[in-house]
Amino acid sequence: MSGQWLQYGGKTVKFKVMALAALVGLSAMSAKAGELPEGPHIVTSGTASVDAVPDIATLAIEVNVAAKDAATAKKQADERVAQYLSFLEQNQIAKKDISAANLRTQPDYDYQNGKSILKGYRAVRTVEVTLRQLDKLNSLLDGALKAGLNEIRSVSLGVAQPDAYKDKARKAAIDNAIHQAQALAAGFNSKLGPVYSVRYHVSNYQPSPVVRMMKAAEAASVSAQETYEQPTIQFDDQVDVVFQLEPGTGQTPTTASSAQ
């Protein structure tokens, strides 16, 4: 890799400064050759992680009904869903936070001696609920089971306004990249120049599945609602930045030669 020999205070030193992956602990040096300037520069990788306390939960609950014919199976599934929708209304869950249109019917076979025998039909209907009051989580799950919705597919925690946390993580990652570059430039008695290029990594955010945890010894002192662990949610961000380098204050570099 070529570099420049620059004259500083009567001493000739090789001036080629880069924040290698080993230096910054990340893979900032994965940048393509065309993304790097020919002159002195620094490559930094700024990272950040912002924790958020969940304020919403998404429930996916399913009713699965078997009957002799498809119409009967569908009717029974619809009745159970209607009962649960009434329960949700009583608990002040807005209609915009409920989706219950997913319905499918299918033949139900029994297999005997290598042959499939039609024994009826099965209707499956899914109800998805966005819950904005987490203290009602256990109540809504119990209500679903009492209404005959016999399978809780998933419960995940999230935040209602993820963009605010993404913006915060992005700003922190940018600040981290700048701080690293400034520290490295100062360490080499140089001055941080303008930004040459930026590579942004899309921020990572995934709702967290709820885990029910309760030890037998704690059962007497912990309420059912408190047994649902609510971990914080992490918003991770990363930005790779290439900065040009300038001579430090009071230093006038002169090119002596080029080297490989």
Foldseek 3Di string as FASTA:
>chain_A
DKFFFKDWPNDTDTAADECDCVNQVHHLVVDDPVLADPYHKYKFKFKFKDWAFFQKKKWKFKAKAWDAEQVVQVVLRVQLVVQLVVVCVVVVFDPVQKDWPDKDKDFDWDADPNDTDTRTMMMMIMMMGMGRHLLCVVVSVVSSVVSRRPGTPFMWTDHPCVVVVLVVRAVNRVVRRVVVRCVRQVVVQWHWAAWRDKDWDDKDWDTGTWDFDDDPVCVVPDDRSRRTDGDITMIMIMMMIMIHIGHHPPTDIDTDDMDD
